[in-house]
PDB file of N, CA and C in Angstrom:
ATOM      1  N   UNK A   1      -1.306  44.932  -3.178  1.00  0.00           N
ATOM      2  CA  UNK A   1      -0.485  43.619  -4.174  1.00  0.00           C
ATOM      3  C   UNK A   1      -1.130  42.396  -4.314  1.00  0.00           C
ATOM      4  N   UNK A   2      -0.849  42.327  -6.120  1.00  0.00           N
ATOM      5  CA  UNK A   2      -1.532  41.382  -6.534  1.00  0.00           C
ATOM      6  C   UNK A   2      -1.108  39.980  -6.684  1.00  0.00           C
ATOM      7  N   UNK A   3       0.336  39.380  -6.975  1.00  0.00           N
ATOM      8  CA  UNK A   3       1.249  38.806  -7.130  1.00  0.00           C
ATOM      9  C   UNK A   3       2.624  38.911  -5.855  1.00  0.00           C
ATOM     10  N   UNK A   4       2.806  37.700  -5.559  1.00  0.00           N
ATOM     11  CA  UNK A   4       4.799  37.865  -5.428  1.00  0.00           C
ATOM     12  C   UNK A   4       5.374  38.568  -6.167  1.00  0.00           C
ATOM     13  N   UNK A   5       5.081  38.948  -7.508  1.00  0.00           N
ATOM     14  CA  UNK A   5       5.892  39.220  -8.157  1.00  0.00           C
ATOM     15  C   UNK A   5       6.384  41.089  -8.237  1.00  0.00           C
ATOM     16  N   UNK A   6       5.015  41.369  -7.496  1.00  0.00           N
ATOM     17  CA  UNK A   6       5.045  42.646  -7.025  1.00  0.00           C
ATOM     18  C   UNK A   6       5.730  43.061  -5.932  1.00  0.00           C
ATOM     19  N   UNK A   7       6.245  42.138  -5.204  1.00  0.00           N
ATOM     20  CA  UNK A   7       7.135  42.319  -3.855  1.00  0.00           C
ATOM     21  C   UNK A   7       8.443  42.964  -4.333  1.00  0.00           C
ATOM     22  N   UNK A   8       8.673  44.022  -3.479  1.00  0.00           N
ATOM     23  CA  UNK A   8      10.189  44.485  -3.638  1.00  0.00           C
ATOM     24  C   UNK A   8      11.375  43.573  -3.379  1.00  0.00           C
ATOM     25  N   UNK A   9      10.937  42.644  -2.307  1.00  0.00           N
ATOM     26  CA  UNK A   9      12.073  41.993  -1.343  1.00  0.00           C
ATOM     27  C   UNK A   9      12.438  41.034  -2.761  1.00  0.00           C
ATOM     28  N   UNK A  10      11.149  40.104  -3.382  1.00  0.00           N
ATOM     29  CA  UNK A  10      11.530  39.187  -4.143  1.00  0.00           C
ATOM     30  C   UNK A  10      12.005  39.317  -5.478  1.00  0.00           C
ATOM     31  N   UNK A  11      11.791  40.847  -5.801  1.00  0.00           N
ATOM     32  CA  UNK A  11      12.019  41.440  -6.914  1.00  0.00           C
ATOM     33  C   UNK A  11      13.894  41.386  -6.841  1.00  0.00           C
ATOM     34  N   UNK A  12      14.073  41.672  -5.746  1.00  0.00           N
ATOM     35  CA  UNK A  12      15.564  42.469  -5.583  1.00  0.00           C
ATOM     36  C   UNK A  12      16.268  40.661  -5.033  1.00  0.00           C
ATOM     37  N   UNK A  13      15.717  39.806  -4.741  1.00  0.00           N
ATOM     38  CA  UNK A  13      16.002  38.814  -4.130  1.00  0.00           C
ATOM     39  C   UNK A  13      16.248  37.779  -5.287  1.00  0.00           C
ATOM     40  N   UNK A  14      15.353  37.823  -7.003  1.00  0.00           N
ATOM     41  CA  UNK A  14      15.672  37.647  -8.106  1.00  0.00           C
ATOM     42  C   UNK A  14      16.849  37.779  -8.950  1.00  0.00           C
ATOM     43  N   UNK A  15      17.258  39.568  -8.582  1.00  0.00           N
ATOM     44  CA  UNK A  15      18.019  39.621  -9.333  1.00  0.00           C
ATOM     45  C   UNK A  15      19.656  39.393  -8.500  1.00  0.00           C
ATOM     46  N   UNK A  16      19.835  39.355  -7.131  1.00  0.00           N
ATOM     47  CA  UNK A  16      20.356  38.582  -6.375  1.00  0.00           C
ATOM     48  C   UNK A  16      20.899  37.043  -6.756  1.00  0.00           C
ATOM     49  N   UNK A  17      19.769  36.073  -6.759  1.00  0.00           N
ATOM     50  CA  UNK A  17      20.205  34.698  -8.061  1.00  0.00           C
ATOM     51  C   UNK A  17      20.800  34.979  -9.403  1.00  0.00           C
ATOM     52  N   UNK A  18      20.570  35.888  -9.451  1.00  0.00           N
ATOM     53  CA  UNK A  18      21.268  35.771 -10.700  1.00  0.00           C
ATOM     54  C   UNK A  18      22.683  36.524 -10.855  1.00  0.00           C
ATOM     55  N   UNK A  19      22.728  37.189 -10.169  1.00  0.00           N
ATOM     56  CA  UNK A  19      23.837  37.556  -9.497  1.00  0.00           C
ATOM     57  C   UNK A  19      25.235  36.719  -9.731  1.00  0.00           C
ATOM     58  N   UNK A  20      24.463  35.833  -8.106  1.00  0.00           N
ATOM     59  CA  UNK A  20      24.842  34.320  -7.836  1.00  0.00           C
ATOM     60  C   UNK A  20      25.441  33.358  -8.813  1.00  0.00           C
ATOM     61  N   UNK A  21      24.303  33.258 -10.006  1.00  0.00           N
ATOM     62  CA  UNK A  21      25.152  32.055 -10.794  1.00  0.00           C
ATOM     63  C   UNK A  21      26.015  32.984 -11.467  1.00  0.00           C
ATOM     64  N   UNK A  22      26.092  33.641 -11.946  1.00  0.00           N
ATOM     65  CA  UNK A  22      27.319  34.239 -12.976  1.00  0.00           C
ATOM     66  C   UNK A  22      28.562  34.490 -11.826  1.00  0.00           C
ATOM     67  N   UNK A  23      28.507  34.659 -10.936  1.00  0.00           N
ATOM     68  CA  UNK A  23      29.924  34.746  -9.731  1.00  0.00           C
ATOM     69  C   UNK A  23      30.229  33.322  -9.809  1.00  0.00           C
ATOM     70  N   UNK A  24      29.358  32.206  -9.089  1.00  0.00           N
ATOM     71  CA  UNK A  24      29.797  31.057  -9.044  1.00  0.00           C
ATOM     72  C   UNK A  24      30.193  30.295 -10.274  1.00  0.00           C
ATOM     73  N   UNK A  25      29.551  30.914 -11.526  1.00  0.00           N
ATOM     74  CA  UNK A  25      30.037  29.903 -12.998  1.00  0.00           C
ATOM     75  C   UNK A  25      31.684  29.765 -13.029  1.00  0.00           C
ATOM     76  N   UNK A  26      32.492  30.762 -12.355  1.00  0.00           N
ATOM     77  CA  UNK A  26      33.870  30.920 -12.252  1.00  0.00           C
ATOM     78  C   UNK A  26      34.261  30.260 -11.156  1.00  0.00           C
ATOM     79  N   UNK A  27      33.596  29.441 -10.460  1.00  0.00           N
ATOM     80  CA  UNK A  27      34.279  28.707  -8.993  1.00  0.00           C
ATOM     81  C   UNK A  27      34.960  27.709  -9.645  1.00  0.00           C
ATOM     82  N   UNK A  28      36.048  26.913  -8.808  1.00  0.00           N
ATOM     83  CA  UNK A  28      36.337  25.730  -9.390  1.00  0.00           C
ATOM     84  C   UNK A  28      35.446  24.495 -10.051  1.00  0.00           C
ATOM     85  N   UNK A  29      35.709  23.949 -10.720  1.00  0.00           N
ATOM     86  CA  UNK A  29      34.597  22.568 -11.154  1.00  0.00           C
ATOM     87  C   UNK A  29      34.480  21.854 -10.150  1.00  0.00           C
ATOM     88  N   UNK A  30      34.996  21.722  -9.204  1.00  0.00           N
ATOM     89  CA  UNK A  30      35.641  20.454  -8.460  1.00  0.00           C
ATOM     90  C   UNK A  30      34.568  21.103  -6.981  1.00  0.00           C
ATOM     91  N   UNK A  31      34.219  22.203  -7.108  1.00  0.00           N
ATOM     92  CA  UNK A  31      33.238  22.840  -5.968  1.00  0.00           C
ATOM     93  C   UNK A  31      31.794  22.994  -6.912  1.00  0.00           C
ATOM     94  N   UNK A  32      31.748  22.315  -8.233  1.00  0.00           N
ATOM     95  CA  UNK A  32      30.187  21.786  -8.396  1.00  0.00           C
ATOM     96  C   UNK A  32      28.938  21.576  -7.576  1.00  0.00           C
ATOM     97  N   UNK A  33      29.517  20.545  -6.924  1.00  0.00           N
ATOM     98  CA  UNK A  33      28.579  19.976  -5.706  1.00  0.00           C
ATOM     99  C   UNK A  33      28.910  20.051  -4.430  1.00  0.00           C
ATOM    100  N   UNK A  34      29.597  21.506  -3.897  1.00  0.00           N
ATOM    101  CA  UNK A  34      29.890  21.448  -2.715  1.00  0.00           C
ATOM    102  C   UNK A  34      29.971  22.941  -2.869  1.00  0.00           C
ATOM    103  N   UNK A  35      30.557  24.023  -2.529  1.00  0.00           N
ATOM    104  CA  UNK A  35      30.586  25.425  -2.436  1.00  0.00           C
ATOM    105  C   UNK A  35      29.195  26.120  -3.228  1.00  0.00           C
ATOM    106  N   UNK A  36      29.723  25.698  -4.408  1.00  0.00           N
ATOM    107  CA  UNK A  36      29.228  26.232  -5.543  1.00  0.00           C
ATOM    108  C   UNK A  36      27.624  25.723  -5.450  1.00  0.00           C
ATOM    109  N   UNK A  37      27.290  24.694  -4.974  1.00  0.00           N
ATOM    110  CA  UNK A  37      25.921  24.372  -5.209  1.00  0.00           C
ATOM    111  C   UNK A  37      25.030  24.976  -3.727  1.00  0.00           C
ATOM    112  N   UNK A  38      25.889  24.414  -2.608  1.00  0.00           N
ATOM    113  CA  UNK A  38      25.026  25.197  -1.346  1.00  0.00           C
ATOM    114  C   UNK A  38      24.970  26.893  -1.763  1.00  0.00           C
ATOM    115  N   UNK A  39      25.830  27.583  -2.338  1.00  0.00           N
ATOM    116  CA  UNK A  39      25.311  28.718  -2.350  1.00  0.00           C
ATOM    117  C   UNK A  39      24.300  29.114  -3.169  1.00  0.00           C
ATOM    118  N   UNK A  40      23.964  28.632  -4.406  1.00  0.00           N
ATOM    119  CA  UNK A  40      22.985  28.722  -5.484  1.00  0.00           C
ATOM    120  C   UNK A  40      21.734  27.984  -4.848  1.00  0.00           C
ATOM    121  N   UNK A  41      21.797  27.547  -3.799  1.00  0.00           N
ATOM    122  CA  UNK A  41      20.788  26.829  -3.146  1.00  0.00           C
ATOM    123  C   UNK A  41      19.909  27.741  -2.329  1.00  0.00           C
ATOM    124  N   UNK A  42      20.770  28.132  -1.045  1.00  0.00           N
ATOM    125  CA  UNK A  42      20.393  29.078  -0.312  1.00  0.00           C
ATOM    126  C   UNK A  42      20.079  30.426  -1.545  1.00  0.00           C
ATOM    127  N   UNK A  43      20.240  30.607  -2.516  1.00  0.00           N
ATOM    128  CA  UNK A  43      20.289  32.121  -2.810  1.00  0.00           C
ATOM    129  C   UNK A  43      19.080  31.584  -3.379  1.00  0.00           C
ATOM    130  N   UNK A  44      18.809  30.718  -3.933  1.00  0.00           N
ATOM    131  CA  UNK A  44      17.428  30.575  -4.525  1.00  0.00           C
ATOM    132  C   UNK A  44      16.364  30.050  -3.563  1.00  0.00           C
ATOM    133  N   UNK A  45      16.362  29.584  -2.840  1.00  0.00           N
ATOM    134  CA  UNK A  45      15.962  29.619  -1.249  1.00  0.00           C
ATOM    135  C   UNK A  45      14.910  31.055  -1.046  1.00  0.00           C
ATOM    136  N   UNK A  46      15.884  32.316  -1.514  1.00  0.00           N
ATOM    137  CA  UNK A  46      15.105  33.209  -0.769  1.00  0.00           C
ATOM    138  C   UNK A  46      14.358  34.004  -1.321  1.00  0.00           C
ATOM    139  N   UNK A  47      14.292  33.728  -2.674  1.00  0.00           N
ATOM    140  CA  UNK A  47      12.696  34.812  -3.421  1.00  0.00           C
ATOM    141  C   UNK A  47      11.878  33.165  -3.090  1.00  0.00           C
ATOM    142  N   UNK A  48      11.912  32.112  -3.103  1.00  0.00           N
ATOM    143  CA  UNK A  48      11.219  30.694  -3.426  1.00  0.00           C
ATOM    144  C   UNK A  48      10.191  31.078  -2.416  1.00  0.00           C
ATOM    145  N   UNK A  49      10.895  31.315  -1.043  1.00  0.00           N
ATOM    146  CA  UNK A  49       9.815  31.552   0.215  1.00  0.00           C
ATOM    147  C   UNK A  49       9.447  32.571   0.507  1.00  0.00           C
ATOM    148  N   UNK A  50      10.031  33.885   0.241  1.00  0.00           N
ATOM    149  CA  UNK A  50       8.944  34.580  -0.355  1.00  0.00           C
ATOM    150  C   UNK A  50       7.571  34.877  -1.009  1.00  0.00           C
ATOM    151  N   UNK A  51       7.751  34.026  -2.125  1.00  0.00           N
ATOM    152  CA  UNK A  51       6.824  33.468  -2.754  1.00  0.00           C
ATOM    153  C   UNK A  51       5.629  32.860  -2.586  1.00  0.00           C
ATOM    154  N   UNK A  52       6.133  31.407  -2.056  1.00  0.00           N
ATOM    155  CA  UNK A  52       5.465  30.349  -1.219  1.00  0.00           C
ATOM    156  C   UNK A  52       4.802  30.943   0.221  1.00  0.00           C
ATOM    157  N   UNK A  53       5.465  31.898   0.809  1.00  0.00           N
ATOM    158  CA  UNK A  53       4.393  32.459   2.009  1.00  0.00           C
ATOM    159  C   UNK A  53       2.975  33.504   1.391  1.00  0.00           C
ATOM    160  N   UNK A  54       3.796  34.124   0.163  1.00  0.00           N
ATOM    161  CA  UNK A  54       2.788  34.824  -0.245  1.00  0.00           C
ATOM    162  C   UNK A  54       1.275  34.194  -0.515  1.00  0.00           C
ATOM    163  N   UNK A  55       1.501  32.818  -0.792  1.00  0.00           N
ATOM    164  CA  UNK A  55       0.297  31.655  -1.346  1.00  0.00           C
ATOM    165  C   UNK A  55      -0.399  31.373  -0.273  1.00  0.00           C
ATOM    166  N   UNK A  56       0.411  31.246   1.250  1.00  0.00           N
ATOM    167  CA  UNK A  56      -0.004  30.686   2.437  1.00  0.00           C
ATOM    168  C   UNK A  56      -1.617  31.641   2.903  1.00  0.00           C
ATOM    169  N   UNK A  57      -2.484  30.655   3.692  1.00  0.00           N
ATOM    170  CA  UNK A  57      -3.467  31.402   3.975  1.00  0.00           C
ATOM    171  C   UNK A  57      -3.591  32.566   5.151  1.00  0.00           C
ATOM    172  N   UNK A  58      -2.262  32.840   5.967  1.00  0.00           N
ATOM    173  CA  UNK A  58      -2.069  33.366   7.101  1.00  0.00           C
ATOM    174  C   UNK A  58      -1.538  34.490   7.056  1.00  0.00           C
ATOM    175  N   UNK A  59      -1.041  34.854   8.037  1.00  0.00           N
ATOM    176  CA  UNK A  59       0.013  35.916   8.031  1.00  0.00           C
ATOM    177  C   UNK A  59       1.131  35.293   8.869  1.00  0.00           C
ATOM    178  N   UNK A  60       0.399  34.481  10.036  1.00  0.00           N
ATOM    179  CA  UNK A  60       1.350  33.143  10.777  1.00  0.00           C
ATOM    180  C   UNK A  60       2.156  32.215   9.506  1.00  0.00           C
ATOM    181  N   UNK A  61       1.571  31.899   9.133  1.00  0.00           N
ATOM    182  CA  UNK A  61       2.142  30.926   8.077  1.00  0.00           C
ATOM    183  C   UNK A  61       3.138  31.907   6.950  1.00  0.00           C
ATOM    184  N   UNK A  62       2.892  33.161   6.618  1.00  0.00           N
ATOM    185  CA  UNK A  62       3.688  34.318   5.949  1.00  0.00           C
ATOM    186  C   UNK A  62       5.012  33.974   6.486  1.00  0.00           C
ATOM    187  N   UNK A  63       4.341  34.554   7.791  1.00  0.00           N
ATOM    188  CA  UNK A  63       5.898  35.046   8.389  1.00  0.00           C
ATOM    189  C   UNK A  63       6.927  33.853   8.393  1.00  0.00           C
ATOM    190  N   UNK A  64       6.588  32.660   8.631  1.00  0.00           N
ATOM    191  CA  UNK A  64       7.307  31.649   8.951  1.00  0.00           C
ATOM    192  C   UNK A  64       7.923  31.605   7.357  1.00  0.00           C
ATOM    193  N   UNK A  65       7.766  31.493   6.758  1.00  0.00           N
ATOM    194  CA  UNK A  65       8.239  31.460   5.280  1.00  0.00           C
ATOM    195  C   UNK A  65       9.207  33.158   5.404  1.00  0.00           C
ATOM    196  N   UNK A  66       8.631  34.014   5.829  1.00  0.00           N
ATOM    197  CA  UNK A  66       9.806  35.215   5.599  1.00  0.00           C
ATOM    198  C   UNK A  66      10.950  34.793   6.337  1.00  0.00           C
ATOM    199  N   UNK A  67      10.857  33.703   7.384  1.00  0.00           N
ATOM    200  CA  UNK A  67      12.278  33.867   8.591  1.00  0.00           C
ATOM    201  C   UNK A  67      12.465  32.759   7.941  1.00  0.00           C
ATOM    202  N   UNK A  68      12.474  31.908   7.274  1.00  0.00           N
ATOM    203  CA  UNK A  68      12.968  31.031   6.217  1.00  0.00           C
ATOM    204  C   UNK A  68      13.785  31.716   5.393  1.00  0.00           C
ATOM    205  N   UNK A  69      13.329  32.428   4.912  1.00  0.00           N
ATOM    206  CA  UNK A  69      13.922  33.326   3.799  1.00  0.00           C
ATOM    207  C   UNK A  69      15.440  34.537   4.256  1.00  0.00           C
ATOM    208  N   UNK A  70      15.095  34.701   5.340  1.00  0.00           N
ATOM    209  CA  UNK A  70      16.236  35.381   6.324  1.00  0.00           C
ATOM    210  C   UNK A  70      16.975  34.595   6.604  1.00  0.00           C
ATOM    211  N   UNK A  71      16.882  32.963   7.083  1.00  0.00           N
ATOM    212  CA  UNK A  71      17.953  32.354   7.267  1.00  0.00           C
ATOM    213  C   UNK A  71      18.509  31.913   6.399  1.00  0.00           C
ATOM    214  N   UNK A  72      18.221  31.397   5.103  1.00  0.00           N
ATOM    215  CA  UNK A  72      18.688  31.275   3.684  1.00  0.00           C
ATOM    216  C   UNK A  72      19.365  32.391   3.362  1.00  0.00           C
ATOM    217  N   UNK A  73      18.882  33.692   3.431  1.00  0.00           N
ATOM    218  CA  UNK A  73      20.309  34.509   3.504  1.00  0.00           C
ATOM    219  C   UNK A  73      21.041  34.826   4.151  1.00  0.00           C
ATOM    220  N   UNK A  74      21.164  34.304   5.439  1.00  0.00           N
ATOM    221  CA  UNK A  74      22.260  34.503   6.823  1.00  0.00           C
ATOM    222  C   UNK A  74      23.366  32.869   6.296  1.00  0.00           C
ATOM    223  N   UNK A  75      23.000  32.618   5.922  1.00  0.00           N
ATOM    224  CA  UNK A  75      23.364  31.087   5.568  1.00  0.00           C
ATOM    225  C   UNK A  75      24.136  31.933   4.157  1.00  0.00           C
ATOM    226  N   UNK A  76      23.829  32.151   3.488  1.00  0.00           N
ATOM    227  CA  UNK A  76      24.642  32.501   2.161  1.00  0.00           C
ATOM    228  C   UNK A  76      25.506  33.586   2.763  1.00  0.00           C
ATOM    229  N   UNK A  77      24.963  34.559   3.500  1.00  0.00           N
ATOM    230  CA  UNK A  77      26.171  35.646   3.504  1.00  0.00           C
ATOM    231  C   UNK A  77      27.327  34.774   4.511  1.00  0.00           C
ATOM    232  N   UNK A  78      27.054  33.927   4.881  1.00  0.00           N
ATOM    233  CA  UNK A  78      28.179  32.985   5.153  1.00  0.00           C
ATOM    234  C   UNK A  78      29.293  32.188   4.339  1.00  0.00           C
ATOM    235  N   UNK A  79      28.228  31.353   3.740  1.00  0.00           N
ATOM    236  CA  UNK A  79      28.994  30.674   2.589  1.00  0.00           C
ATOM    237  C   UNK A  79      29.890  31.992   1.678  1.00  0.00           C
ATOM    238  N   UNK A  80      29.298  32.990   1.267  1.00  0.00           N
ATOM    239  CA  UNK A  80      29.917  34.130   0.658  1.00  0.00           C
ATOM    240  C   UNK A  80      31.079  34.439   1.169  1.00  0.00           C
ATOM    241  N   UNK A  81      31.431  34.642   2.365  1.00  0.00           N
ATOM    242  CA  UNK A  81      32.722  35.002   3.311  1.00  0.00           C
ATOM    243  C   UNK A  81      33.451  33.582   3.231  1.00  0.00           C
ATOM    244  N   UNK A  82      33.056  32.446   3.504  1.00  0.00           N
ATOM    245  CA  UNK A  82      34.233  31.455   3.045  1.00  0.00           C
ATOM    246  C   UNK A  82      34.548  31.664   1.543  1.00  0.00           C
ATOM    247  N   UNK A  83      33.761  31.928   0.485  1.00  0.00           N
ATOM    248  CA  UNK A  83      34.313  31.710  -0.899  1.00  0.00           C
ATOM    249  C   UNK A  83      35.597  32.781  -0.868  1.00  0.00           C
ATOM    250  N   UNK A  84      35.193  34.252  -0.413  1.00  0.00           N
ATOM    251  CA  UNK A  84      36.017  35.405  -0.077  1.00  0.00           C
ATOM    252  C   UNK A  84      37.458  34.821   0.166  1.00  0.00           C
ATOM    253  N   UNK A  85      37.415  33.997   1.630  1.00  0.00           N
ATOM    254  CA  UNK A  85      38.420  33.660   2.448  1.00  0.00           C
ATOM    255  C   UNK A  85      39.276  32.571   1.781  1.00  0.00           C
ATOM    256  N   UNK A  86      38.539  31.984   0.740  1.00  0.00           N
ATOM    257  CA  UNK A  86      39.592  30.657   0.206  1.00  0.00           C
ATOM    258  C   UNK A  86      39.987  31.542  -1.827  1.00  0.00           C
ATOM    259  N   UNK A  87      39.199  32.677  -1.689  1.00  0.00           N
ATOM    260  CA  UNK A  87      39.806  33.319  -2.851  1.00  0.00           C
ATOM    261  C   UNK A  87      39.236  32.859  -4.230  1.00  0.00           C
ATOM    262  N   UNK A  88      37.822  32.363  -3.602  1.00  0.00           N
ATOM    263  CA  UNK A  88      36.606  32.019  -5.095  1.00  0.00           C
ATOM    264  C   UNK A  88      36.017  33.281  -5.142  1.00  0.00           C
ATOM    265  N   UNK A  89      35.933  34.441  -4.558  1.00  0.00           N
ATOM    266  CA  UNK A  89      35.630  35.718  -5.090  1.00  0.00           C
ATOM    267  C   UNK A  89      36.494  36.720  -4.402  1.00  0.00           C
ATOM    268  N   UNK A  90      36.579  37.844  -5.187  1.00  0.00           N
ATOM    269  CA  UNK A  90      37.779  39.196  -5.015  1.00  0.00           C
ATOM    270  C   UNK A  90      36.836  39.722  -4.091  1.00  0.00           C
ATOM    271  N   UNK A  91      37.690  40.467  -3.712  1.00  0.00           N
ATOM    272  CA  UNK A  91      37.061  41.674  -2.610  1.00  0.00           C
ATOM    273  C   UNK A  91      36.062  42.785  -3.007  1.00  0.00           C
ATOM    274  N   UNK A  92      36.377  43.099  -4.387  1.00  0.00           N
ATOM    275  CA  UNK A  92      35.460  43.630  -4.952  1.00  0.00           C
ATOM    276  C   UNK A  92      34.214  43.071  -5.156  1.00  0.00           C
ATOM    277  N   UNK A  93      33.675  41.645  -5.596  1.00  0.00           N
ATOM    278  CA  UNK A  93      32.703  41.200  -5.724  1.00  0.00           C
ATOM    279  C   UNK A  93      32.191  40.519  -4.697  1.00  0.00           C
ATOM    280  N   UNK A  94      32.775  40.301  -3.508  1.00  0.00           N
ATOM    281  CA  UNK A  94      32.234  39.580  -2.359  1.00  0.00           C
ATOM    282  C   UNK A  94      31.747  41.223  -2.138  1.00  0.00           C
ATOM    283  N   UNK A  95      32.286  42.490  -1.760  1.00  0.00           N
ATOM    284  CA  UNK A  95      31.982  43.522  -1.266  1.00  0.00           C
ATOM    285  C   UNK A  95      30.194  44.236  -2.052  1.00  0.00           C
ATOM    286  N   UNK A  96      30.573  43.810  -2.980  1.00  0.00           N
ATOM    287  CA  UNK A  96      29.448  44.091  -4.126  1.00  0.00           C
ATOM    288  C   UNK A  96      27.971  43.232  -3.607  1.00  0.00           C
ATOM    289  N   UNK A  97      27.782  41.548  -3.941  1.00  0.00           N
ATOM    290  CA  UNK A  97      27.260  41.236  -3.154  1.00  0.00           C
ATOM    291  C   UNK A  97      26.681  41.076  -1.673  1.00  0.00           C
ATOM    292  N   UNK A  98      27.696  41.020  -0.995  1.00  0.00           N
ATOM    293  CA  UNK A  98      27.039  41.206   0.198  1.00  0.00           C
ATOM    294  C   UNK A  98      26.565  42.336   0.456  1.00  0.00           C
ATOM    295  N   UNK A  99      27.077  43.966   0.348  1.00  0.00           N
ATOM    296  CA  UNK A  99      26.025  44.875   0.079  1.00  0.00           C
ATOM    297  C   UNK A  99      24.492  44.476  -0.078  1.00  0.00           C
ATOM    298  N   UNK A 100      24.196  43.745  -1.801  1.00  0.00           N
ATOM    299  CA  UNK A 100      23.097  43.811  -1.391  1.00  0.00           C
ATOM    300  C   UNK A 100      22.184  42.812  -1.013  1.00  0.00           C
ATOM    301  N   UNK A 101      23.342  41.261   0.040  1.00  0.00           N
ATOM    302  CA  UNK A 101      22.193  40.568   0.444  1.00  0.00           C
ATOM    303  C   UNK A 101      22.153  41.714   2.007  1.00  0.00           C
ATOM    304  N   UNK A 102      22.619  42.354   2.132  1.00  0.00           N
ATOM    305  CA  UNK A 102      22.553  43.255   3.471  1.00  0.00           C
ATOM    306  C   UNK A 102      21.501  44.279   3.686  1.00  0.00           C
ATOM    307  N   UNK A 103      20.900  44.739   2.109  1.00  0.00           N
ATOM    308  CA  UNK A 103      20.189  45.243   1.702  1.00  0.00           C
ATOM    309  C   UNK A 103      18.823  44.555   1.385  1.00  0.00           C
ATOM    310  N   UNK A 104      18.701  43.376   0.801  1.00  0.00           N
ATOM    311  CA  UNK A 104      17.482  42.659   1.359  1.00  0.00           C
ATOM    312  C   UNK A 104      17.268  41.883   2.716  1.00  0.00           C
ATOM    313  N   UNK A 105      18.480  41.809   3.814  1.00  0.00           N
ATOM    314  CA  UNK A 105      18.303  41.799   5.112  1.00  0.00           C
ATOM    315  C   UNK A 105      17.702  42.511   5.911  1.00  0.00           C
ATOM    316  N   UNK A 106      17.815  43.767   5.756  1.00  0.00           N
ATOM    317  CA  UNK A 106      17.361  45.126   6.084  1.00  0.00           C
ATOM    318  C   UNK A 106      15.200  45.114   5.516  1.00  0.00           C
ATOM    319  N   UNK A 107      15.514  44.845   3.970  1.00  0.00           N
ATOM    320  CA  UNK A 107      14.209  45.068   3.909  1.00  0.00           C
ATOM    321  C   UNK A 107      13.329  43.309   4.549  1.00  0.00           C
ATOM    322  N   UNK A 108      13.646  42.801   4.413  1.00  0.00           N
ATOM    323  CA  UNK A 108      13.428  41.203   5.035  1.00  0.00           C
ATOM    324  C   UNK A 108      12.987  41.718   6.384  1.00  0.00           C
ATOM    325  N   UNK A 109      13.797  42.188   7.241  1.00  0.00           N
ATOM    326  CA  UNK A 109      13.208  42.281   9.149  1.00  0.00           C
ATOM    327  C   UNK A 109      12.236  43.676   8.798  1.00  0.00           C
ATOM    328  N   UNK A 110      12.572  44.195   8.477  1.00  0.00           N
ATOM    329  CA  UNK A 110      11.534  45.452   8.402  1.00  0.00           C
ATOM    330  C   UNK A 110       9.899  44.765   7.917  1.00  0.00           C
ATOM    331  N   UNK A 111       9.815  44.076   6.820  1.00  0.00           N
ATOM    332  CA  UNK A 111       8.367  43.499   6.112  1.00  0.00           C
ATOM    333  C   UNK A 111       8.075  42.397   7.426  1.00  0.00           C
ATOM    334  N   UNK A 112       9.090  41.511   7.586  1.00  0.00           N
ATOM    335  CA  UNK A 112       8.976  40.680   9.005  1.00  0.00           C
ATOM    336  C   UNK A 112       7.986  41.574  10.096  1.00  0.00           C
ATOM    337  N   UNK A 113       8.434  42.462  10.263  1.00  0.00           N
ATOM    338  CA  UNK A 113       8.239  43.737  11.785  1.00  0.00           C
ATOM    339  C   UNK A 113       6.616  44.368  11.349  1.00  0.00           C
ATOM    340  N   UNK A 114       6.667  44.814  10.060  1.00  0.00           N
ATOM    341  CA  UNK A 114       5.646  45.322   9.800  1.00  0.00           C
ATOM    342  C   UNK A 114       4.340  44.078   9.792  1.00  0.00           C
ATOM    343  N   UNK A 115       4.422  43.138   9.469  1.00  0.00           N
ATOM    344  CA  UNK A 115       3.724  41.581   8.907  1.00  0.00           C
ATOM    345  C   UNK A 115       3.103  41.455  10.902  1.00  0.00           C
ATOM    346  N   UNK A 116       4.250  41.579  11.486  1.00  0.00           N
ATOM    347  CA  UNK A 116       3.597  40.874  13.042  1.00  0.00           C
ATOM    348  C   UNK A 116       3.236  42.143  13.561  1.00  0.00           C
ATOM    349  N   UNK A 117       3.577  43.539  13.704  1.00  0.00           N
ATOM    350  CA  UNK A 117       2.653  44.293  13.867  1.00  0.00           C
ATOM    351  C   UNK A 117       1.157  44.885  13.346  1.00  0.00           C
ATOM    352  N   UNK A 118       0.962  44.191  12.551  1.00  0.00           N
ATOM    353  CA  UNK A 118      -0.765  43.993  11.965  1.00  0.00           C
ATOM    354  C   UNK A 118      -1.620  43.058  12.638  1.00  0.00           C
ATOM    355  N   UNK A 119      -0.433  42.198  13.323  1.00  0.00           N
ATOM    356  CA  UNK A 119      -1.767  40.881  13.686  1.00  0.00           C
ATOM    357  C   UNK A 119      -2.061  41.094  15.187  1.00  0.00           C
TER     358      UNK A 119
END
């Protein structure tokens, strides 16, 4: 891999961010500083930490940033569930985006384990 842009997890999570921004555009305006902002921030955190970790000196540091990405992903899954429960996301949109997060979750866990096993 030459750059973090070559990492498939980064690519998938960047697509997720775009989808998140599109869907949250339809949330109530009074949520702009609440749930909308929180969902957007943790979605942005996922590819950002993959990229930041890539630029670090060691696998140990890289793992730390990948784990932060995973934590942000779990936070995002929780907030999406809340958005569905209060009917900001319908079932179809929720299922679509939740499946995207589950795919990224599996990829991140696998990547983390691969790096751990090479140490």
